Amino acid sequence: MDITFRQLEIFRWVVVAGSITKASHRIGLSQPSISQQLAKLEEMLNVQLINRNRTGQVSMTPAGEFWFKASEDILGRMSVTMNEHEKRFRNSSVVLRLGATPVLRGAFTAATAHIAQSAPGFVKFELVYDVNSSALVEQLRLHQINFAIVSEPAILKDQLSFAISRLFEDQMAWAVPASMTDDDLRLALNPTQGTKGVNCILTNYIEIESTVPTRAASDEWYRTFLPAATATFTAPTFAASIEMVAGGMGTCHVPFSLLPNLSATILQEVRLFRITGMNRWVVLAMRKHLQTHAAFAHIFNELTAYCRGEYLEAMREDQIGSFDALHRSAISGGFVTAAE
């Protein structure tokens, strides 16, 4: 049979993405080209691999499930072989492709590039952003990146395929414009107040894009503590949402891991309050076979050390207050300072 690696890759992409349309966006091939390659694969195998419903979503036939597992094994073995080839016959050249969400930019980018450059055999560093951890794990599965920094829940079901190192527990903060006083906040958080006398800024909040995992918990938080507030704005990233807060547009939620990458100007224009219930562990994941490559193992260990040390320390902002204390004060009518 003249089955190609490319056909197996395309088939895997369609299954992982869930539709030919989504796969087309991911791999940069037109939908007709993808359909043509799938048809050729099915013709050579003399079986139907996928079913498509009216909305374009795909499901695997029993033969499709068999060949999906087979393609995972075949392509994984080829990746191992090519990496071994690189190590033995191409001067151990190292191309680091690190996947991260847009939270990790700025100072983090420079630090990780420096770590990559210090590895023996370094050739190139690529930082690949995607909107959420699930999308990054998908890229890891398909060998498009070799490292990823993701939320732990996104990688759990694939943990046997990856070397995983816990980096830090990412907490969430409520961000409000710096012009908001404690009295403004207590008034808005008083459950008996309604909207009477509440600063209009506190009746707006910036919701994060729907594919971000914390979106549902964030919306529920607002329904619980600020039911009169409405999602007047939607931002694609946490960085964009806190920029809106700094501009006095409303309030939002941001992870602590964003803070080291914000400018001093933005930090001066917002107040931050630690909230509970949305914490999540962030991990570094790498394909397990790369552990045998000295340069990749070095990068894995150095990235882990940096995130657990210097980066974690930079996340501990002195001016982050306690939302719990603020909320208790709002209910009791007492006074609370910004410091926790």
Protein backbone atom coordinates (compact mmCIF):
# COMPACT_ATOMS: atom_id res chain seq x y z
CA MET A 1 0.00 0.00 0.00
CA ASP A 2 1.18 3.52 -0.80
CA ILE A 3 0.00 5.04 2.48
CA THR A 4 1.98 8.17 3.35
CA PHE A 5 2.90 9.70 6.68
CA ARG A 6 1.16 12.87 5.51
CA GLN A 7 -2.13 11.02 5.05
CA LEU A 8 -1.88 9.56 8.54
CA GLU A 9 -1.08 13.03 9.96
CA ILE A 10 -4.09 14.55 8.19
CA PHE A 11 -6.35 11.76 9.47
CA ARG A 12 -5.10 12.32 13.04
CA TRP A 13 -5.62 16.07 12.74
CA VAL A 14 -9.23 15.62 11.62
CA VAL A 15 -9.97 13.26 14.51
CA VAL A 16 -8.26 15.45 17.12
CA ALA A 17 -9.78 18.69 15.79
CA GLY A 18 -13.24 17.14 15.51
CA SER A 19 -14.03 18.35 12.01
CA ILE A 20 -12.41 18.91 8.63
CA THR A 21 -13.06 22.66 8.95
CA LYS A 22 -11.14 22.93 12.22
CA ALA A 23 -8.36 20.70 10.92
CA SER A 24 -8.05 22.96 7.88
CA HIS A 25 -7.42 25.98 10.11
CA ARG A 26 -4.82 24.07 12.14
CA ILE A 27 -2.66 22.62 9.37
CA GLY A 28 -3.12 25.23 6.66
CA LEU A 29 -4.62 22.90 4.05
CA SER A 30 -7.86 23.59 2.22
CA GLN A 31 -10.89 21.50 3.13
CA PRO A 32 -11.04 19.92 -0.37
CA SER A 33 -7.38 18.87 -0.05
CA ILE A 34 -8.03 17.27 3.33
CA SER A 35 -11.13 15.48 2.04
CA GLN A 36 -9.18 14.24 -0.98
CA GLN A 37 -6.37 12.81 1.16
CA LEU A 38 -8.86 11.13 3.49
CA ALA A 39 -10.70 9.63 0.52
CA LYS A 40 -7.41 8.24 -0.88
CA LEU A 41 -6.54 6.72 2.50
CA GLU A 42 -9.96 5.11 2.83
CA GLU A 43 -9.73 3.83 -0.77
CA MET A 44 -6.35 2.20 -0.15
CA LEU A 45 -7.56 0.63 3.08
CA ASN A 46 -10.93 -0.27 1.54
CA VAL A 47 -12.77 0.90 4.69
CA GLN A 48 -14.59 3.98 5.94
CA LEU A 49 -12.61 5.70 8.70
CA ILE A 50 -14.89 8.56 9.77
CA ASN A 51 -18.53 9.58 9.73
CA ARG A 52 -19.62 13.20 9.35
CA ASN A 53 -22.88 14.59 10.70
CA ARG A 54 -24.87 17.54 9.33
CA THR A 55 -22.77 20.08 11.25
CA GLY A 56 -19.49 18.68 9.94
CA GLN A 57 -18.45 17.02 13.20
CA VAL A 58 -16.69 13.70 12.72
CA SER A 59 -16.82 10.41 14.59
CA MET A 60 -14.66 7.35 14.03
CA THR A 61 -15.85 4.03 12.72
CA PRO A 62 -14.38 0.88 14.34
CA ALA A 63 -11.79 0.85 11.55
CA GLY A 64 -11.12 4.54 12.19
CA GLU A 65 -10.45 3.86 15.87
CA PHE A 66 -8.00 1.09 14.90
CA TRP A 67 -6.14 3.30 12.43
CA PHE A 68 -6.15 6.30 14.76
CA LYS A 69 -4.28 4.26 17.38
CA ALA A 70 -2.02 2.84 14.69
CA SER A 71 -1.22 6.30 13.32
CA GLU A 72 -0.39 7.53 16.84
CA ASP A 73 2.09 4.67 17.15
CA ILE A 74 3.56 4.98 13.66
CA LEU A 75 4.00 8.74 13.75
CA GLY A 76 5.30 8.63 17.31
CA ARG A 77 7.94 6.07 16.32
CA MET A 78 8.94 8.16 13.33
CA SER A 79 9.31 11.22 15.56
CA VAL A 80 11.57 9.24 17.93
CA THR A 81 13.61 8.00 14.97
CA MET A 82 14.02 11.48 13.50
CA ASN A 83 15.04 12.93 16.85
CA GLU A 84 17.61 10.18 17.27
CA HIS A 85 18.86 10.92 13.77
CA GLU A 86 19.19 14.61 14.65
CA LYS A 87 21.12 13.73 17.79
CA ARG A 88 23.52 11.28 16.13
CA PHE A 89 24.11 12.69 12.70
CA ARG A 90 23.32 16.40 12.72
CA ASN A 91 25.54 17.63 15.54
CA SER A 92 22.81 17.30 18.19
CA SER A 93 21.08 20.39 16.80
CA VAL A 94 18.32 21.63 19.08
CA VAL A 95 15.21 23.41 17.85
CA LEU A 96 13.08 24.27 20.86
CA ARG A 97 9.37 24.74 20.11
CA LEU A 98 7.72 25.84 23.32
CA GLY A 99 3.95 26.21 23.48
CA ALA A 100 2.32 28.59 25.97
CA THR A 101 -0.82 30.65 26.42
CA PRO A 102 -0.60 34.44 25.89
CA VAL A 103 -0.37 34.92 29.69
CA LEU A 104 3.31 33.94 29.46
CA ARG A 105 4.89 36.69 27.43
CA GLY A 106 7.19 39.65 28.07
CA ALA A 107 9.71 38.82 30.78
CA PHE A 108 8.92 35.12 30.51
CA THR A 109 9.71 35.06 26.78
CA ALA A 110 13.17 36.54 27.26
CA ALA A 111 14.01 34.16 30.11
CA THR A 112 12.96 31.02 28.22
CA ALA A 113 14.83 32.11 25.09
CA HIS A 114 17.97 32.53 27.20
CA ILE A 115 17.53 29.03 28.66
CA ALA A 116 17.13 27.55 25.19
CA GLN A 117 20.19 29.37 23.89
CA SER A 118 22.32 27.97 26.71
CA ALA A 119 21.56 24.36 25.70
CA PRO A 120 24.33 22.44 23.89
CA GLY A 121 23.63 22.23 20.16
CA PHE A 122 21.12 25.13 20.22
CA VAL A 123 19.95 26.16 16.75
CA LYS A 124 16.59 27.87 17.09
CA PHE A 125 13.93 28.84 19.64
CA GLU A 126 10.27 29.17 18.68
CA LEU A 127 7.59 30.36 21.11
CA VAL A 128 4.17 29.16 19.95
CA TYR A 129 1.06 30.73 21.45
CA ASP A 130 -2.39 29.17 21.50
CA VAL A 131 -5.59 30.32 23.12
CA ASN A 132 -5.82 27.60 25.78
CA SER A 133 -4.05 24.62 27.30
CA SER A 134 -6.16 22.03 25.49
CA ALA A 135 -5.08 23.41 22.12
CA LEU A 136 -1.43 23.26 23.20
CA VAL A 137 -1.75 19.65 24.36
CA GLU A 138 -3.23 18.89 20.95
CA GLN A 139 -0.10 20.34 19.33
CA LEU A 140 2.08 18.22 21.62
CA ARG A 141 0.22 15.07 20.59
CA LEU A 142 0.82 15.91 16.93
CA HIS A 143 4.53 16.69 17.49
CA GLN A 144 4.16 20.29 16.34
CA ILE A 145 5.80 21.49 19.55
CA ASN A 146 8.15 19.62 21.88
CA PHE A 147 7.43 21.45 25.16
CA ALA A 148 4.29 23.10 26.51
CA ILE A 149 3.36 25.01 29.65
CA VAL A 150 -0.28 24.14 30.36
CA SER A 151 -2.83 23.77 33.13
CA GLU A 152 -2.58 20.35 34.75
CA PRO A 153 -6.17 19.17 34.01
CA ALA A 154 -5.57 19.55 30.26
CA ILE A 155 -2.72 17.02 30.24
CA LEU A 156 -3.92 14.46 32.79
CA LYS A 157 -5.46 11.94 30.41
CA ASP A 158 -2.24 11.92 28.33
CA GLN A 159 0.19 11.94 31.24
CA LEU A 160 1.67 8.52 30.36
CA SER A 161 2.95 9.95 27.07
CA PHE A 162 4.72 12.96 28.57
CA ALA A 163 7.33 13.93 31.11
CA ILE A 164 5.47 16.35 33.39
CA SER A 165 6.80 18.72 36.03
CA ARG A 166 4.61 20.85 38.30
CA LEU A 167 5.71 24.49 38.16
CA PHE A 168 3.40 26.55 40.39
CA GLU A 169 -0.18 26.89 41.58
CA ASP A 170 -1.63 29.78 39.63
CA GLN A 171 -4.01 31.89 41.71
CA MET A 172 -6.56 34.36 40.39
CA ALA A 173 -7.02 38.03 41.22
CA TRP A 174 -9.91 40.45 40.83
CA ALA A 175 -8.59 43.54 39.04
CA VAL A 176 -10.30 46.93 39.47
CA PRO A 177 -9.26 50.40 38.31
CA ALA A 178 -6.90 52.17 40.72
CA SER A 179 -9.42 55.00 41.02
CA MET A 180 -11.83 52.70 42.89
CA THR A 181 -11.67 53.31 46.66
CA ASP A 182 -12.39 50.78 49.37
CA ASP A 183 -15.71 52.53 49.97
CA ASP A 184 -16.59 52.16 46.25
CA LEU A 185 -15.84 48.46 46.38
CA ARG A 186 -17.64 47.79 49.65
CA LEU A 187 -20.73 49.55 48.37
CA ALA A 188 -20.78 47.43 45.18
CA LEU A 189 -20.24 44.19 47.14
CA ASN A 190 -22.97 44.87 49.71
CA PRO A 191 -25.72 42.37 48.83
CA THR A 192 -28.45 44.70 50.07
CA GLN A 193 -27.31 47.70 48.04
CA GLY A 194 -28.36 46.86 44.48
CA THR A 195 -27.02 49.42 42.02
CA LYS A 196 -28.05 52.56 43.92
CA GLY A 197 -25.00 54.75 44.43
CA VAL A 198 -22.62 52.15 42.96
CA ASN A 199 -19.90 53.52 40.69
CA CYS A 200 -20.91 52.66 37.12
CA ILE A 201 -17.45 51.21 36.43
CA LEU A 202 -18.20 48.43 38.91
CA THR A 203 -21.36 47.43 37.04
CA ASN A 204 -19.26 46.38 34.03
CA TYR A 205 -16.85 43.50 33.75
CA ILE A 206 -14.61 42.15 31.02
CA GLU A 207 -15.24 38.48 30.32
CA ILE A 208 -12.49 36.32 28.89
CA GLU A 209 -12.87 34.48 25.56
CA SER A 210 -15.16 31.44 25.91
CA THR A 211 -12.48 28.82 25.16
CA VAL A 212 -10.41 29.84 28.20
CA PRO A 213 -11.07 27.23 30.95
CA THR A 214 -11.63 29.76 33.75
CA ARG A 215 -14.43 31.55 31.87
CA ALA A 216 -17.30 29.59 33.47
CA ALA A 217 -15.91 29.97 37.01
CA SER A 218 -15.33 33.68 36.42
CA ASP A 219 -18.90 34.24 35.22
CA GLU A 220 -20.23 32.33 38.24
CA TRP A 221 -18.08 34.49 40.56
CA TYR A 222 -19.66 37.65 39.16
CA ARG A 223 -23.15 36.20 39.49
CA THR A 224 -22.39 35.44 43.14
CA PHE A 225 -20.59 38.58 44.30
CA LEU A 226 -21.59 41.27 41.78
CA PRO A 227 -24.93 40.12 40.35
CA ALA A 228 -25.72 43.61 39.07
CA ALA A 229 -22.55 43.65 36.93
CA THR A 230 -22.85 42.72 33.26
CA ALA A 231 -20.29 41.36 30.80
CA THR A 232 -20.10 44.54 28.78
CA PHE A 233 -16.80 43.61 27.11
CA THR A 234 -15.11 40.42 25.93
CA ALA A 235 -11.33 40.15 25.63
CA PRO A 236 -9.32 37.46 23.78
CA THR A 237 -6.61 37.32 26.46
CA PHE A 238 -6.11 38.17 30.13
CA ALA A 239 -3.55 40.81 29.12
CA ALA A 240 -6.16 42.56 26.98
CA SER A 241 -8.76 42.41 29.75
CA ILE A 242 -6.52 44.02 32.38
CA GLU A 243 -5.59 46.75 29.90
CA MET A 244 -9.29 47.58 29.69
CA VAL A 245 -9.45 47.68 33.48
CA ALA A 246 -6.45 50.04 33.57
CA GLY A 247 -8.38 52.24 31.16
CA GLY A 248 -11.31 52.44 33.59
CA MET A 249 -13.73 50.29 31.57
CA GLY A 250 -14.70 47.80 34.28
CA THR A 251 -13.25 44.94 36.33
CA CYS A 252 -11.90 41.49 35.39
CA HIS A 253 -10.17 38.36 36.62
CA VAL A 254 -6.51 37.66 35.84
CA PRO A 255 -4.08 34.89 36.88
CA PHE A 256 -1.08 35.75 39.03
CA SER A 257 1.17 34.29 36.31
CA LEU A 258 0.35 37.30 34.12
CA LEU A 259 1.67 39.84 36.63
CA PRO A 260 5.44 39.54 35.96
CA ASN A 261 4.76 40.30 32.29
CA LEU A 262 2.76 43.50 32.84
CA SER A 263 4.27 46.94 32.51
CA ALA A 264 4.72 49.16 35.55
CA THR A 265 2.20 51.56 33.98
CA ILE A 266 -0.54 48.92 33.88
CA LEU A 267 0.20 47.78 37.44
CA GLN A 268 -0.04 51.38 38.69
CA GLU A 269 -3.47 51.78 37.11
CA VAL A 270 -5.11 48.75 38.76
CA ARG A 271 -5.81 47.31 42.21
CA LEU A 272 -5.66 43.56 42.69
CA PHE A 273 -7.46 41.31 45.19
CA ARG A 274 -6.69 37.63 45.65
CA ILE A 275 -9.75 35.41 45.17
CA THR A 276 -10.28 31.74 45.96
CA GLY A 277 -11.89 28.88 44.08
CA MET A 278 -10.21 29.29 40.68
CA ASN A 279 -6.68 28.14 41.49
CA ARG A 280 -5.03 25.70 39.10
CA TRP A 281 -1.68 23.94 38.85
CA VAL A 282 0.51 24.83 35.88
CA VAL A 283 2.87 22.17 34.53
CA LEU A 284 5.67 21.79 31.99
CA ALA A 285 5.11 18.86 29.61
CA MET A 286 7.53 17.26 27.15
CA ARG A 287 7.35 14.13 25.00
CA LYS A 288 8.87 11.35 27.11
CA HIS A 289 11.30 10.14 24.46
CA LEU A 290 13.05 13.55 24.52
CA GLN A 291 14.32 12.74 28.02
CA THR A 292 17.03 10.66 26.39
CA HIS A 293 18.34 13.74 24.54
CA ALA A 294 20.75 15.58 26.81
CA ALA A 295 19.97 19.05 25.45
CA PHE A 296 16.19 18.68 25.77
CA ALA A 297 16.55 17.19 29.26
CA HIS A 298 18.72 20.19 30.19
CA ILE A 299 16.10 22.65 28.90
CA PHE A 300 13.32 20.78 30.74
CA ASN A 301 15.20 20.98 34.04
CA GLU A 302 16.24 24.61 33.58
CA LEU A 303 12.71 25.72 32.66
CA THR A 304 11.35 23.93 35.72
CA ALA A 305 13.91 25.60 37.99
CA TYR A 306 13.22 29.05 36.54
CA CYS A 307 9.43 28.77 36.88
CA ARG A 308 9.59 27.37 40.43
CA GLY A 309 12.11 29.98 41.51
CA GLU A 310 12.55 33.37 39.87
CA TYR A 311 9.22 33.45 38.03
CA LEU A 312 7.17 32.26 41.01
CA GLU A 313 8.82 34.91 43.18
CA ALA A 314 7.90 37.62 40.64
CA MET A 315 4.24 36.55 40.88
CA ARG A 316 4.07 37.54 44.56
CA GLU A 317 2.96 41.15 44.27
CA ASP A 318 3.14 43.04 47.57
CA GLN A 319 0.10 45.13 46.75
CA ILE A 320 -2.38 42.29 46.23
CA GLY A 321 -5.21 42.57 48.73
CA SER A 322 -7.57 39.94 50.07
CA PHE A 323 -10.98 39.77 48.44
CA ASP A 324 -12.33 37.68 51.32
CA ALA A 325 -11.43 40.43 53.79
CA LEU A 326 -12.91 43.06 51.49
CA HIS A 327 -16.12 41.09 51.11
CA ARG A 328 -16.49 40.53 54.86
CA SER A 329 -16.03 44.24 55.38
CA ALA A 330 -18.69 45.02 52.77
CA ILE A 331 -21.22 42.77 54.50
CA SER A 332 -20.45 44.06 58.00
CA GLY A 333 -20.13 47.70 56.96
CA GLY A 334 -16.60 47.93 58.39
CA PHE A 335 -13.40 49.25 56.85
CA VAL A 336 -10.68 47.22 55.17
CA THR A 337 -7.29 48.29 53.86
CA ALA A 338 -5.87 47.24 50.51
CA ALA A 339 -3.11 45.17 52.11
CA GLU A 340 -3.87 41.54 52.86
